[in-house]
C-alpha atoms as a PDB file:
ATOM      1  CA  MET A   1       1.482  -6.098  -1.323  1.00  0.00           C
ATOM      2  CA  ASN A   2       1.334  -9.107   0.874  1.00  0.00           C
ATOM      3  CA  ASP A   3       2.867 -12.446  -0.156  1.00  0.00           C
ATOM      4  CA  SER A   4      -0.563 -13.487  -1.191  1.00  0.00           C
ATOM      5  CA  GLY A   5       0.101 -11.442  -4.277  1.00  0.00           C
ATOM      6  CA  LYS A   6       1.450 -14.694  -5.880  1.00  0.00           C
ATOM      7  CA  HIS A   7      -2.200 -15.750  -6.199  1.00  0.00           C
ATOM      8  CA  LEU A   8      -3.148 -12.936  -8.480  1.00  0.00           C
ATOM      9  CA  THR A   9      -4.456 -13.806 -11.874  1.00  0.00           C
ATOM     10  CA  HIS A  10      -5.157 -11.540 -14.852  1.00  0.00           C
ATOM     11  CA  GLY A  11      -8.755 -10.909 -15.901  1.00  0.00           C
ATOM     12  CA  LEU A  12     -11.159  -8.156 -16.565  1.00  0.00           C
ATOM     13  CA  SER A  13     -14.515  -7.818 -14.912  1.00  0.00           C
ATOM     14  CA  ASP A  14     -17.651  -6.850 -16.731  1.00  0.00           C
ATOM     15  CA  ASP A  15     -16.980  -3.311 -15.658  1.00  0.00           C
ATOM     16  CA  PRO A  16     -13.126  -2.720 -16.430  1.00  0.00           C
ATOM     17  CA  SER A  17     -13.130   0.366 -14.127  1.00  0.00           C
ATOM     18  CA  ALA A  18     -14.166  -1.749 -11.114  1.00  0.00           C
ATOM     19  CA  TYR A  19     -11.144  -4.088 -10.846  1.00  0.00           C
ATOM     20  CA  ILE A  20      -8.637  -5.664 -13.224  1.00  0.00           C
ATOM     21  CA  ARG A  21      -7.400  -8.603 -11.373  1.00  0.00           C
ATOM     22  CA  THR A  22      -8.803 -11.420  -9.227  1.00  0.00           C
ATOM     23  CA  ARG A  23      -7.386 -12.997  -6.198  1.00  0.00           C
ATOM     24  CA  ASP A  24      -7.339 -16.798  -6.017  1.00  0.00           C
ATOM     25  CA  THR A  25     -10.201 -17.446  -3.509  1.00  0.00           C
ATOM     26  CA  SER A  26     -10.013 -21.212  -3.342  1.00  0.00           C
ATOM     27  CA  SER A  27      -7.606 -21.560  -0.556  1.00  0.00           C
ATOM     28  CA  GLU A  28      -4.533 -19.878   1.013  1.00  0.00           C
ATOM     29  CA  HIS A  29      -1.657 -21.553   2.814  1.00  0.00           C
ATOM     30  CA  GLY A  30      -3.597 -24.819   2.659  1.00  0.00           C
ATOM     31  CA  GLN A  31      -6.673 -23.514   4.523  1.00  0.00           C
ATOM     32  CA  THR A  32     -10.114 -22.700   3.221  1.00  0.00           C
ATOM     33  CA  ARG A  33     -10.965 -19.036   3.499  1.00  0.00           C
ATOM     34  CA  ASP A  34     -14.260 -17.387   4.540  1.00  0.00           C
ATOM     35  CA  LEU A  35     -14.950 -15.452   1.399  1.00  0.00           C
ATOM     36  CA  SER A  36     -17.678 -13.116   2.776  1.00  0.00           C
ATOM     37  CA  TYR A  37     -17.020  -9.459   3.439  1.00  0.00           C
ATOM     38  CA  PRO A  38     -17.364  -8.651   7.184  1.00  0.00           C
ATOM     39  CA  PRO A  39     -20.002  -6.191   8.439  1.00  0.00           C
ATOM     40  CA  LEU A  40     -18.981  -2.593   9.076  1.00  0.00           C
ATOM     41  CA  PRO A  41     -17.126  -1.916  12.388  1.00  0.00           C
ATOM     42  CA  PRO A  42     -18.154   1.018  14.621  1.00  0.00           C
ATOM     43  CA  ALA A  43     -17.189   4.241  12.999  1.00  0.00           C
ATOM     44  CA  LEU A  44     -14.121   6.271  14.031  1.00  0.00           C
ATOM     45  CA  VAL A  45     -14.845   9.589  15.738  1.00  0.00           C
ATOM     46  CA  VAL A  46     -11.738  11.139  14.097  1.00  0.00           C
ATOM     47  CA  PRO A  47     -11.121  10.037  10.546  1.00  0.00           C
ATOM     48  CA  VAL A  48      -7.985   8.583   9.061  1.00  0.00           C
ATOM     49  CA  TYR A  49      -6.499   7.561   5.659  1.00  0.00           C
ATOM     50  CA  ASP A  50      -5.584   4.156   4.346  1.00  0.00           C
ATOM     51  CA  ASN A  51      -1.980   4.475   3.325  1.00  0.00           C
ATOM     52  CA  HIS A  52      -1.886   1.394   1.101  1.00  0.00           C
ATOM     53  CA  ALA A  53      -4.518  -0.451  -0.710  1.00  0.00           C
ATOM     54  CA  HIS A  54      -4.966  -2.587  -3.998  1.00  0.00           C
ATOM     55  CA  LEU A  55      -8.490  -1.857  -4.961  1.00  0.00           C
ATOM     56  CA  GLU A  56      -7.853  -3.249  -8.454  1.00  0.00           C
ATOM     57  CA  ILE A  57      -7.882  -6.745  -7.038  1.00  0.00           C
ATOM     58  CA  ALA A  58     -11.177  -8.442  -6.715  1.00  0.00           C
ATOM     59  CA  ASP A  59     -11.667 -10.779  -3.716  1.00  0.00           C
ATOM     60  CA  GLY A  60     -14.484 -12.608  -1.991  1.00  0.00           C
ATOM     61  CA  ASP A  61     -17.784 -14.226  -3.094  1.00  0.00           C
ATOM     62  CA  ASN A  62     -19.105 -10.868  -4.124  1.00  0.00           C
ATOM     63  CA  PRO A  63     -16.246  -8.596  -5.133  1.00  0.00           C
ATOM     64  CA  LEU A  64     -16.703  -4.975  -4.265  1.00  0.00           C
ATOM     65  CA  HIS A  65     -16.483  -2.328  -6.957  1.00  0.00           C
ATOM     66  CA  TYR A  66     -13.787   0.217  -5.782  1.00  0.00           C
ATOM     67  CA  ARG A  67     -16.438   2.821  -5.254  1.00  0.00           C
ATOM     68  CA  GLU A  68     -18.215   0.441  -2.881  1.00  0.00           C
ATOM     69  CA  HIS A  69     -15.015  -0.091  -0.918  1.00  0.00           C
ATOM     70  CA  LEU A  70     -14.770   3.702  -0.636  1.00  0.00           C
ATOM     71  CA  ASP A  71     -18.422   4.189   0.313  1.00  0.00           C
ATOM     72  CA  ARG A  72     -18.074   1.691   3.121  1.00  0.00           C
ATOM     73  CA  ALA A  73     -14.776   3.255   4.140  1.00  0.00           C
ATOM     74  CA  SER A  74     -16.413   6.756   4.304  1.00  0.00           C
ATOM     75  CA  ALA A  75     -19.157   5.362   6.530  1.00  0.00           C
ATOM     76  CA  VAL A  76     -16.718   4.355   9.248  1.00  0.00           C
ATOM     77  CA  GLY A  77     -14.342   7.275   9.169  1.00  0.00           C
ATOM     78  CA  VAL A  78     -11.714   6.340   6.550  1.00  0.00           C
ATOM     79  CA  ARG A  79     -11.734   9.529   4.411  1.00  0.00           C
ATOM     80  CA  GLY A  80      -9.266   8.554   1.664  1.00  0.00           C
ATOM     81  CA  VAL A  81      -7.091   5.762   0.233  1.00  0.00           C
ATOM     82  CA  VAL A  82      -3.651   5.565  -1.437  1.00  0.00           C
ATOM     83  CA  GLN A  83      -4.157   3.184  -4.293  1.00  0.00           C
ATOM     84  CA  VAL A  84      -0.918   1.445  -5.136  1.00  0.00           C
ATOM     85  CA  GLY A  85       0.353  -0.205  -8.288  1.00  0.00           C
ATOM     86  CA  GLY A  86       2.994  -2.900  -8.722  1.00  0.00           C
ATOM     87  CA  ASP A  87       3.438  -3.110 -12.447  1.00  0.00           C
ATOM     88  CA  LEU A  88       2.538  -1.230 -15.597  1.00  0.00           C
ATOM     89  CA  GLU A  89      -1.061  -2.368 -15.767  1.00  0.00           C
ATOM     90  CA  THR A  90      -1.950  -1.722 -12.099  1.00  0.00           C
ATOM     91  CA  SER A  91      -0.028   1.509 -12.120  1.00  0.00           C
ATOM     92  CA  ARG A  92      -1.943   2.761 -15.038  1.00  0.00           C
ATOM     93  CA  TRP A  93      -5.171   1.786 -13.465  1.00  0.00           C
ATOM     94  CA  SER A  94      -4.225   3.572 -10.131  1.00  0.00           C
ATOM     95  CA  ALA A  95      -3.218   6.747 -11.890  1.00  0.00           C
ATOM     96  CA  GLU A  96      -6.505   6.741 -14.009  1.00  0.00           C
ATOM     97  CA  VAL A  97      -8.783   5.974 -11.079  1.00  0.00           C
ATOM     98  CA  ALA A  98      -7.177   8.649  -8.911  1.00  0.00           C
ATOM     99  CA  ALA A  99      -7.797  11.172 -11.701  1.00  0.00           C
ATOM    100  CA  HIS A 100     -11.463  10.515 -11.485  1.00  0.00           C
ATOM    101  CA  GLU A 101     -12.043   9.676  -7.858  1.00  0.00           C
ATOM    102  CA  PRO A 102     -11.653  12.352  -5.209  1.00  0.00           C
ATOM    103  CA  ARG A 103     -11.160   9.808  -2.379  1.00  0.00           C
ATOM    104  CA  ILE A 104      -8.161   8.206  -4.051  1.00  0.00           C
ATOM    105  CA  LEU A 105      -4.574   9.238  -4.529  1.00  0.00           C
ATOM    106  CA  ALA A 106      -2.151   7.078  -6.470  1.00  0.00           C
ATOM    107  CA  ALA A 107       1.287   5.367  -6.164  1.00  0.00           C
ATOM    108  CA  VAL A 108       2.899   3.887  -9.170  1.00  0.00           C
ATOM    109  CA  ALA A 109       5.848   1.529  -9.449  1.00  0.00           C
ATOM    110  CA  ILE A 110       7.267  -1.875 -10.613  1.00  0.00           C
ATOM    111  CA  HIS A 111       7.113  -4.198  -7.598  1.00  0.00           C
ATOM    112  CA  PRO A 112      10.508  -5.759  -6.700  1.00  0.00           C
ATOM    113  CA  ASN A 113       9.249  -9.210  -7.580  1.00  0.00           C
ATOM    114  CA  GLU A 114       8.163  -7.993 -10.986  1.00  0.00           C
ATOM    115  CA  ALA A 115      11.508  -6.320 -11.819  1.00  0.00           C
ATOM    116  CA  PRO A 116      13.291  -9.566 -12.770  1.00  0.00           C
ATOM    117  CA  ARG A 117      10.413 -10.562 -15.009  1.00  0.00           C
ATOM    118  CA  TYR A 118      10.636  -7.238 -16.888  1.00  0.00           C
ATOM    119  CA  GLU A 119      14.444  -7.594 -17.024  1.00  0.00           C
ATOM    120  CA  GLU A 120      14.215 -11.134 -18.544  1.00  0.00           C
ATOM    121  CA  ALA A 121      11.803  -9.784 -21.098  1.00  0.00           C
ATOM    122  CA  GLY A 122      14.143  -6.974 -21.997  1.00  0.00           C
ATOM    123  CA  THR A 123      11.526  -4.383 -21.025  1.00  0.00           C
ATOM    124  CA  LEU A 124      12.581  -3.086 -17.614  1.00  0.00           C
ATOM    125  CA  ASP A 125      14.005   0.162 -18.941  1.00  0.00           C
ATOM    126  CA  ASP A 126      10.859   0.829 -20.971  1.00  0.00           C
ATOM    127  CA  ALA A 127       8.775   0.055 -17.885  1.00  0.00           C
ATOM    128  CA  LEU A 128      10.772   2.385 -15.640  1.00  0.00           C
ATOM    129  CA  ALA A 129      10.343   5.153 -18.229  1.00  0.00           C
ATOM    130  CA  GLU A 130       6.578   4.713 -18.174  1.00  0.00           C
ATOM    131  CA  ILE A 131       6.501   4.726 -14.378  1.00  0.00           C
ATOM    132  CA  ALA A 132       8.488   7.976 -14.516  1.00  0.00           C
ATOM    133  CA  GLU A 133       5.792   9.449 -16.860  1.00  0.00           C
ATOM    134  CA  LEU A 134       2.970   8.240 -14.599  1.00  0.00           C
ATOM    135  CA  ALA A 135       4.684   9.747 -11.530  1.00  0.00           C
ATOM    136  CA  GLY A 136       4.168  13.175 -13.009  1.00  0.00           C
ATOM    137  CA  ARG A 137       0.556  13.023 -13.452  1.00  0.00           C
ATOM    138  CA  PRO A 138      -1.933  14.813 -11.284  1.00  0.00           C
ATOM    139  CA  ARG A 139      -3.068  13.007  -8.035  1.00  0.00           C
ATOM    140  CA  VAL A 140      -0.096  10.541  -8.270  1.00  0.00           C
ATOM    141  CA  ARG A 141       1.576  11.373  -4.905  1.00  0.00           C
ATOM    142  CA  ALA A 142       3.953   8.448  -4.427  1.00  0.00           C
ATOM    143  CA  VAL A 143       6.306   5.991  -6.212  1.00  0.00           C
ATOM    144  CA  GLY A 144       5.423   2.594  -4.889  1.00  0.00           C
ATOM    145  CA  GLU A 145       5.447  -0.100  -4.103  1.00  0.00           C
ATOM    146  CA  THR A 146       9.166  -0.575  -4.782  1.00  0.00           C
ATOM    147  CA  GLY A 147      12.033  -1.903  -2.828  1.00  0.00           C
ATOM    148  CA  LEU A 148      13.664  -5.297  -2.273  1.00  0.00           C
ATOM    149  CA  ASP A 149      12.213  -8.804  -1.670  1.00  0.00           C
ATOM    150  CA  PHE A 150      14.734 -11.531  -0.924  1.00  0.00           C
ATOM    151  CA  PHE A 151      12.003 -13.951   0.181  1.00  0.00           C
ATOM    152  CA  ARG A 152      10.686 -14.939  -3.252  1.00  0.00           C
ATOM    153  CA  THR A 153      13.471 -13.766  -5.534  1.00  0.00           C
ATOM    154  CA  PRO A 154      16.600 -15.854  -5.935  1.00  0.00           C
ATOM    155  CA  ASP A 155      20.125 -14.418  -5.950  1.00  0.00           C
ATOM    156  CA  SER A 156      20.023 -14.344  -9.778  1.00  0.00           C
ATOM    157  CA  GLY A 157      17.056 -11.851  -9.596  1.00  0.00           C
ATOM    158  CA  ARG A 158      18.588  -9.516  -7.162  1.00  0.00           C
ATOM    159  CA  ALA A 159      20.497  -7.300  -9.639  1.00  0.00           C
ATOM    160  CA  PRO A 160      17.212  -6.254 -11.416  1.00  0.00           C
ATOM    161  CA  GLN A 161      15.626  -5.568  -8.118  1.00  0.00           C
ATOM    162  CA  TYR A 162      18.465  -3.224  -7.003  1.00  0.00           C
ATOM    163  CA  ARG A 163      18.481  -1.493 -10.478  1.00  0.00           C
ATOM    164  CA  SER A 164      14.669  -1.099 -10.306  1.00  0.00           C
ATOM    165  CA  PHE A 165      14.756   0.174  -6.778  1.00  0.00           C
ATOM    166  CA  GLU A 166      17.377   2.838  -7.405  1.00  0.00           C
ATOM    167  CA  ALA A 167      15.511   4.020 -10.481  1.00  0.00           C
ATOM    168  CA  HIS A 168      12.434   4.407  -8.422  1.00  0.00           C
ATOM    169  CA  ILE A 169      14.230   6.371  -5.738  1.00  0.00           C
ATOM    170  CA  GLU A 170      15.379   8.819  -8.385  1.00  0.00           C
ATOM    171  CA  ILE A 171      11.848   9.107  -9.852  1.00  0.00           C
ATOM    172  CA  ALA A 172      10.531   9.966  -6.392  1.00  0.00           C
ATOM    173  CA  LYS A 173      13.134  12.616  -5.887  1.00  0.00           C
ATOM    174  CA  GLN A 174      12.758  14.093  -9.460  1.00  0.00           C
ATOM    175  CA  ASN A 175       8.981  14.481  -8.883  1.00  0.00           C
ATOM    176  CA  ASP A 176       9.222  15.516  -5.218  1.00  0.00           C
ATOM    177  CA  ILE A 177       6.785  12.842  -4.127  1.00  0.00           C
ATOM    178  CA  ALA A 178       6.873  10.080  -1.536  1.00  0.00           C
ATOM    179  CA  LEU A 179       8.519   6.665  -1.821  1.00  0.00           C
ATOM    180  CA  GLN A 180       6.515   3.631  -0.635  1.00  0.00           C
ATOM    181  CA  ILE A 181       8.872   0.745   0.135  1.00  0.00           C
ATOM    182  CA  HIS A 182       8.161  -3.042  -0.045  1.00  0.00           C
ATOM    183  CA  ASP A 183      10.718  -4.694   2.231  1.00  0.00           C
ATOM    184  CA  ARG A 184      10.685  -8.499   2.654  1.00  0.00           C
ATOM    185  CA  ASP A 185      13.637 -10.243   4.256  1.00  0.00           C
ATOM    186  CA  ALA A 186      15.746  -7.328   3.003  1.00  0.00           C
ATOM    187  CA  HIS A 187      15.876  -4.789   5.881  1.00  0.00           C
ATOM    188  CA  ASP A 188      19.702  -4.165   5.785  1.00  0.00           C
ATOM    189  CA  ALA A 189      19.920  -4.008   2.035  1.00  0.00           C
ATOM    190  CA  VAL A 190      16.986  -1.551   1.813  1.00  0.00           C
ATOM    191  CA  ILE A 191      18.482   0.707   4.431  1.00  0.00           C
ATOM    192  CA  ARG A 192      21.945   0.564   2.821  1.00  0.00           C
ATOM    193  CA  THR A 193      20.522   1.358  -0.553  1.00  0.00           C
ATOM    194  CA  LEU A 194      18.543   4.367   0.713  1.00  0.00           C
ATOM    195  CA  LYS A 195      21.659   5.765   2.309  1.00  0.00           C
ATOM    196  CA  ARG A 196      23.923   5.060  -0.632  1.00  0.00           C
ATOM    197  CA  VAL A 197      21.653   6.510  -3.299  1.00  0.00           C
ATOM    198  CA  GLY A 198      20.159   9.154  -1.172  1.00  0.00           C
ATOM    199  CA  ALA A 199      16.619   8.792   0.204  1.00  0.00           C
ATOM    200  CA  PRO A 200      13.814  11.102  -0.947  1.00  0.00           C
ATOM    201  CA  GLU A 201      12.439  13.613   1.549  1.00  0.00           C
ATOM    202  CA  ARG A 202       9.459  11.325   2.359  1.00  0.00           C
ATOM    203  CA  VAL A 203      10.005   7.540   2.686  1.00  0.00           C
ATOM    204  CA  ILE A 204       7.389   5.103   3.915  1.00  0.00           C
ATOM    205  CA  PHE A 205       8.062   1.481   4.852  1.00  0.00           C
ATOM    206  CA  HIS A 206       4.701  -0.066   3.684  1.00  0.00           C
ATOM    207  CA  CYS A 207       3.491  -2.898   5.856  1.00  0.00           C
ATOM    208  CA  PHE A 208       6.396  -2.342   8.207  1.00  0.00           C
ATOM    209  CA  SER A 209       7.938  -5.676   9.035  1.00  0.00           C
ATOM    210  CA  GLY A 210      10.953  -4.818  11.122  1.00  0.00           C
ATOM    211  CA  ASP A 211      11.654  -5.045  14.820  1.00  0.00           C
ATOM    212  CA  ALA A 212      12.209  -2.410  17.464  1.00  0.00           C
ATOM    213  CA  ASP A 213      15.885  -1.885  16.359  1.00  0.00           C
ATOM    214  CA  MET A 214      14.776  -1.178  12.760  1.00  0.00           C
ATOM    215  CA  ALA A 215      12.112   1.171  14.030  1.00  0.00           C
ATOM    216  CA  ARG A 216      14.807   3.131  15.767  1.00  0.00           C
ATOM    217  CA  VAL A 217      16.813   3.307  12.526  1.00  0.00           C
ATOM    218  CA  CYS A 218      13.709   4.558  10.635  1.00  0.00           C
ATOM    219  CA  ALA A 219      13.165   7.151  13.431  1.00  0.00           C
ATOM    220  CA  GLU A 220      16.784   8.361  13.153  1.00  0.00           C
ATOM    221  CA  ASN A 221      16.317   8.960   9.477  1.00  0.00           C
ATOM    222  CA  GLY A 222      12.713  10.392   9.614  1.00  0.00           C
ATOM    223  CA  TRP A 223      11.315   7.462   7.674  1.00  0.00           C
ATOM    224  CA  PHE A 224       7.645   6.693   8.130  1.00  0.00           C
ATOM    225  CA  MET A 225       6.379   3.362   9.334  1.00  0.00           C
ATOM    226  CA  SER A 226       2.973   2.156   8.102  1.00  0.00           C
ATOM    227  CA  PHE A 227       1.394  -0.682  10.143  1.00  0.00           C
ATOM    228  CA  ALA A 228      -1.051  -3.061   8.528  1.00  0.00           C
ATOM    229  CA  GLY A 229      -3.510  -5.746   9.950  1.00  0.00           C
ATOM    230  CA  ASN A 230      -0.646  -8.206  10.759  1.00  0.00           C
ATOM    231  CA  VAL A 231       0.216  -5.954  13.702  1.00  0.00           C
ATOM    232  CA  THR A 232      -2.929  -7.419  15.290  1.00  0.00           C
ATOM    233  CA  PHE A 233      -1.864 -11.067  14.792  1.00  0.00           C
ATOM    234  CA  LYS A 234      -1.167 -13.100  17.909  1.00  0.00           C
ATOM    235  CA  ASN A 235       2.388 -13.994  16.772  1.00  0.00           C
ATOM    236  CA  ALA A 236       3.271 -10.303  15.908  1.00  0.00           C
ATOM    237  CA  SER A 237       4.863  -9.374  19.255  1.00  0.00           C
ATOM    238  CA  ALA A 238       7.986  -8.003  17.387  1.00  0.00           C
ATOM    239  CA  LEU A 239       5.860  -5.625  15.365  1.00  0.00           C
ATOM    240  CA  ARG A 240       4.029  -4.412  18.450  1.00  0.00           C
ATOM    241  CA  GLU A 241       7.478  -3.807  20.175  1.00  0.00           C
ATOM    242  CA  ALA A 242       8.430  -1.875  17.037  1.00  0.00           C
ATOM    243  CA  LEU A 243       5.194   0.187  17.214  1.00  0.00           C
ATOM    244  CA  GLU A 244       5.835   1.053  20.809  1.00  0.00           C
ATOM    245  CA  VAL A 245       9.272   2.654  20.029  1.00  0.00           C
ATOM    246  CA  ALA A 246       8.288   4.406  16.810  1.00  0.00           C
ATOM    247  CA  PRO A 247       7.710   8.110  17.177  1.00  0.00           C
ATOM    248  CA  ARG A 248       3.998   8.992  16.793  1.00  0.00           C
ATOM    249  CA  ALA A 249       4.862  11.558  14.207  1.00  0.00           C
ATOM    250  CA  LEU A 250       6.223   8.786  11.901  1.00  0.00           C
ATOM    251  CA  LEU A 251       3.272   6.481  12.225  1.00  0.00           C
ATOM    252  CA  LEU A 252       0.834   5.499   9.418  1.00  0.00           C
ATOM    253  CA  VAL A 253      -1.844   2.890   9.070  1.00  0.00           C
ATOM    254  CA  GLU A 254      -2.948   0.813   6.123  1.00  0.00           C
ATOM    255  CA  THR A 255      -4.971  -2.237   5.061  1.00  0.00           C
ATOM    256  CA  ASP A 256      -2.938  -3.607   2.158  1.00  0.00           C
ATOM    257  CA  THR A 257      -6.419  -4.595   0.852  1.00  0.00           C
ATOM    258  CA  PRO A 258      -7.346  -7.303  -0.019  1.00  0.00           C
ATOM    259  CA  PHE A 259      -4.590  -8.876   2.064  1.00  0.00           C
ATOM    260  CA  LEU A 260      -3.648  -8.933   5.770  1.00  0.00           C
ATOM    261  CA  THR A 261      -7.201  -8.704   7.216  1.00  0.00           C
ATOM    262  CA  PRO A 262      -6.835  -7.817  10.906  1.00  0.00           C
ATOM    263  CA  THR A 263      -7.844 -10.016  13.893  1.00  0.00           C
ATOM    264  CA  PRO A 264     -10.626 -11.076  14.511  1.00  0.00           C
ATOM    265  CA  LEU A 265     -11.375 -11.302  10.839  1.00  0.00           C
ATOM    266  CA  ARG A 266      -8.080 -12.745   9.585  1.00  0.00           C
ATOM    267  CA  GLY A 267      -8.425 -14.710   6.328  1.00  0.00           C
ATOM    268  CA  ARG A 268     -11.621 -12.865   5.087  1.00  0.00           C
ATOM    269  CA  PRO A 269     -11.483 -10.332   2.301  1.00  0.00           C
ATOM    270  CA  ASN A 270      -9.939  -7.067   3.402  1.00  0.00           C
ATOM    271  CA  SER A 271     -11.139  -3.569   2.508  1.00  0.00           C
ATOM    272  CA  PRO A 272     -10.354   0.013   3.677  1.00  0.00           C
ATOM    273  CA  TYR A 273     -13.542   0.030   5.780  1.00  0.00           C
ATOM    274  CA  LEU A 274     -11.888  -2.476   8.217  1.00  0.00           C
ATOM    275  CA  LEU A 275      -9.071  -0.221   9.031  1.00  0.00           C
ATOM    276  CA  PRO A 276     -10.600   0.813  12.306  1.00  0.00           C
ATOM    277  CA  TYR A 277      -9.770  -2.684  13.644  1.00  0.00           C
ATOM    278  CA  THR A 278      -6.086  -2.119  13.056  1.00  0.00           C
ATOM    279  CA  LEU A 279      -6.134   1.466  14.354  1.00  0.00           C
ATOM    280  CA  ARG A 280      -7.871   0.423  17.583  1.00  0.00           C
ATOM    281  CA  ALA A 281      -5.343  -2.361  18.092  1.00  0.00           C
ATOM    282  CA  MET A 282      -2.477   0.125  17.542  1.00  0.00           C
ATOM    283  CA  ALA A 283      -4.071   2.528  20.093  1.00  0.00           C
ATOM    284  CA  ASP A 284      -4.410  -0.334  22.593  1.00  0.00           C
ATOM    285  CA  THR A 285      -0.745  -1.353  22.162  1.00  0.00           C
ATOM    286  CA  LEU A 286       0.294   2.254  22.667  1.00  0.00           C
ATOM    287  CA  GLY A 287      -1.991   2.762  25.636  1.00  0.00           C
ATOM    288  CA  THR A 288      -3.497   5.859  23.960  1.00  0.00           C
ATOM    289  CA  ASP A 289      -6.876   7.235  23.014  1.00  0.00           C
ATOM    290  CA  VAL A 290      -8.064   6.060  19.549  1.00  0.00           C
ATOM    291  CA  SER A 291      -9.112   9.531  18.449  1.00  0.00           C
ATOM    292  CA  MET A 292      -5.825  11.137  19.468  1.00  0.00           C
ATOM    293  CA  LEU A 293      -3.943   8.525  17.526  1.00  0.00           C
ATOM    294  CA  ALA A 294      -6.237   8.926  14.466  1.00  0.00           C
ATOM    295  CA  ALA A 295      -5.724  12.703  14.531  1.00  0.00           C
ATOM    296  CA  GLN A 296      -1.839  12.219  14.648  1.00  0.00           C
ATOM    297  CA  ILE A 297      -1.972   9.637  11.781  1.00  0.00           C
ATOM    298  CA  SER A 298      -4.217  11.758   9.628  1.00  0.00           C
ATOM    299  CA  SER A 299      -1.939  14.719  10.075  1.00  0.00           C
ATOM    300  CA  ASN A 300       1.100  12.554   9.281  1.00  0.00           C
ATOM    301  CA  THR A 301      -0.586  11.231   6.149  1.00  0.00           C
ATOM    302  CA  GLU A 302      -1.419  14.720   4.801  1.00  0.00           C
ATOM    303  CA  ASN A 303       2.126  15.854   5.531  1.00  0.00           C
ATOM    304  CA  ILE A 304       3.407  13.114   3.241  1.00  0.00           C
ATOM    305  CA  TYR A 305       0.812  13.206   0.406  1.00  0.00           C
ATOM    306  CA  GLY A 306      -0.848  16.559   0.684  1.00  0.00           C
ATOM    307  CA  ARG A 307      -4.571  16.844   1.058  1.00  0.00           C
ATOM    308  CA  TRP A 308      -6.834  14.635  -1.071  1.00  0.00           C
ATOM    309  CA  ASP A 309      -8.535  17.809  -2.538  1.00  0.00           C
ATOM    310  CA  ASP A 310      -5.348  19.671  -3.369  1.00  0.00           C
ATOM    311  CA  GLU A 311      -5.717  18.780  -7.078  1.00  0.00           C
ATOM    312  CA  PRO A 312      -9.161  18.498  -8.681  1.00  0.00           C
ATOM    313  CA  VAL A 313     -10.401  15.323 -10.312  1.00  0.00           C
ATOM    314  CA  THR A 314     -10.909  15.492 -13.947  1.00  0.00           C
ATOM    315  CA  SER A 315     -14.425  13.928 -13.880  1.00  0.00           C
ATOM    316  CA  PRO A 316     -16.478  12.273 -11.295  1.00  0.00           C
ATOM    317  CA  THR A 317     -17.479   9.432 -13.689  1.00  0.00           C
ATOM    318  CA  PRO A 318     -14.632   7.602 -15.487  1.00  0.00           C
ATOM    319  CA  ASN A 319     -15.018   6.146 -18.989  1.00  0.00           C
ATOM    320  CA  PRO A 320     -14.613   2.420 -18.740  1.00  0.00           C
ATOM    321  CA  ALA A 321     -12.802   2.327 -22.118  1.00  0.00           C
ATOM    322  CA  GLU A 322      -9.922   4.173 -20.464  1.00  0.00           C
ATOM    323  CA  PHE A 323      -9.191   1.208 -18.267  1.00  0.00           C
ATOM    324  CA  GLU A 324      -9.005  -1.475 -21.092  1.00  0.00           C
END
């Protein structure tokens, strides 16, 4: 989840299965946003997957139901989405929607910025126990997003972050599923923790934010790097340098919907259907064919999570009461 996550507010829509939170759409970083969803980009010839999205968050003048996000994505060659939780409420939602929607797999976790809040309330252990239960459910294929965030958490909140992160690592290993990492201003600490505790077999740095040197460390350890829309930003030369040295077999692509909308649509609501902008920018940086890169990333994604149809959904139409 991007830093704009601080703008999240709780609230149920008329259809609880559509989304459960609303992004503050008034302004961001002091600038007025264009709140309209962009038109569909040209479709990809070879389809890919969105490695990380928050479809539970409503954004824009006319928020999209998660199925509309997915329908638009399907129309442009984005065949599936990893829907990611960051606390108990959103992790429950992610697991439930994945159980009903064949185009979604789920990741569940307590976000590092949420861990100190649970700890202060005396409920972190209970929350981690529920995440462990959710991680064992069908179509939950990752623990995430978890990790360390030293940008928004003061020193006093770091101990709960470490404790939560280490617990999530163990949950991923116990369930033999992937680990999706949130890493903000904490590169060295995240890497040291993974090495000290022992990393799961499949580790993904969501919204990779390191430089070329960190990309080399990830490559040495076989950790995947997922690039989001910020790799297209004008000031993101360090990210593009990291992309250039990352092995193709360790590359993923994501939207972090509704955040990090790629250039030339920066600031507008994001959605999995806008993933082709980021993929095409990555191919341009790498000097490679878009379809070849899409095929590699699609293969990488299935190697991490398995196929989206490996486990059947329980019902094509969820009961809204289950999301309340």
